[in-house]
Amino acid sequence: MNWLFLSAKGFKAAVNRMQLSSLMDRYSAI
């Protein structure tokens, strides 16, 4: 079981989600 790879994948997905939500907030603020 490669838990390190899975956790890194999940971390990257979480970062992408945070960046996407902050981008949405920025566009809605305009």
N, C-alpha and C. Protein backbone atom coordinates (compact mmCIF):
# COMPACT_ATOMS: atom_id res chain seq x y z
N MET A 1 0.86 -1.20 0.00
CA MET A 1 0.00 0.00 0.00
C MET A 1 0.89 1.25 0.00
N ASN A 2 0.68 2.10 -0.99
CA ASN A 2 1.49 3.32 -1.07
C ASN A 2 0.70 4.48 -0.47
N TRP A 3 0.67 4.54 0.87
CA TRP A 3 -0.13 5.58 1.53
C TRP A 3 0.46 6.97 1.31
N LEU A 4 1.77 7.05 1.11
CA LEU A 4 2.41 8.35 0.89
C LEU A 4 1.91 8.97 -0.41
N PHE A 5 1.82 8.13 -1.46
CA PHE A 5 1.34 8.61 -2.75
C PHE A 5 -0.13 9.03 -2.65
N LEU A 6 -0.93 8.22 -1.94
CA LEU A 6 -2.36 8.54 -1.80
C LEU A 6 -2.56 9.84 -1.02
N SER A 7 -1.80 10.02 0.06
CA SER A 7 -1.95 11.24 0.87
C SER A 7 -1.48 12.46 0.07
N ALA A 8 -0.43 12.29 -0.74
CA ALA A 8 0.06 13.41 -1.55
C ALA A 8 -0.99 13.76 -2.60
N LYS A 9 -1.63 12.74 -3.16
CA LYS A 9 -2.67 12.96 -4.17
C LYS A 9 -3.86 13.70 -3.53
N GLY A 10 -4.26 13.27 -2.34
CA GLY A 10 -5.38 13.90 -1.65
C GLY A 10 -5.03 15.34 -1.25
N PHE A 11 -3.77 15.56 -0.85
CA PHE A 11 -3.35 16.90 -0.47
C PHE A 11 -3.39 17.83 -1.67
N LYS A 12 -2.94 17.34 -2.83
CA LYS A 12 -2.94 18.15 -4.05
C LYS A 12 -4.37 18.48 -4.45
N ALA A 13 -5.27 17.52 -4.30
CA ALA A 13 -6.68 17.75 -4.65
C ALA A 13 -7.28 18.81 -3.71
N ALA A 14 -6.92 18.75 -2.43
CA ALA A 14 -7.44 19.73 -1.46
C ALA A 14 -6.92 21.13 -1.79
N VAL A 15 -5.64 21.22 -2.16
CA VAL A 15 -5.06 22.52 -2.52
C VAL A 15 -5.74 23.08 -3.76
N ASN A 16 -5.99 22.21 -4.75
CA ASN A 16 -6.67 22.65 -5.97
C ASN A 16 -8.06 23.16 -5.64
N ARG A 17 -8.76 22.47 -4.71
CA ARG A 17 -10.11 22.91 -4.33
C ARG A 17 -10.06 24.28 -3.64
N MET A 18 -9.07 24.48 -2.75
CA MET A 18 -8.97 25.77 -2.05
C MET A 18 -8.66 26.88 -3.03
N GLN A 19 -7.77 26.63 -3.99
CA GLN A 19 -7.43 27.65 -4.98
C GLN A 19 -8.65 27.97 -5.84
N LEU A 20 -9.42 26.95 -6.20
CA LEU A 20 -10.60 27.16 -7.04
C LEU A 20 -11.64 27.98 -6.29
N SER A 21 -11.86 27.68 -5.01
CA SER A 21 -12.86 28.41 -4.23
C SER A 21 -12.42 29.86 -4.03
N SER A 22 -11.13 30.09 -3.81
CA SER A 22 -10.64 31.46 -3.63
C SER A 22 -10.76 32.22 -4.94
N LEU A 23 -10.57 31.52 -6.06
CA LEU A 23 -10.72 32.15 -7.36
C LEU A 23 -12.17 32.55 -7.58
N MET A 24 -13.10 31.68 -7.19
CA MET A 24 -14.53 31.99 -7.32
C MET A 24 -14.89 33.20 -6.46
N ASP A 25 -14.34 33.25 -5.24
CA ASP A 25 -14.62 34.39 -4.35
C ASP A 25 -14.11 35.68 -4.98
N ARG A 26 -12.95 35.62 -5.60
CA ARG A 26 -12.36 36.81 -6.20
C ARG A 26 -13.24 37.31 -7.36
N TYR A 27 -13.72 36.37 -8.17
CA TYR A 27 -14.56 36.77 -9.31
C TYR A 27 -15.93 37.27 -8.87
N SER A 28 -16.47 36.68 -7.81
CA SER A 28 -17.79 37.12 -7.34
C SER A 28 -17.68 38.49 -6.67
N ALA A 29 -16.47 38.83 -6.16
CA ALA A 29 -16.28 40.12 -5.49
C ALA A 29 -16.27 41.26 -6.51
N ILE A 30 -15.90 40.93 -7.74
CA ILE A 30 -15.82 41.96 -8.79
C ILE A 30 -17.22 42.45 -9.13
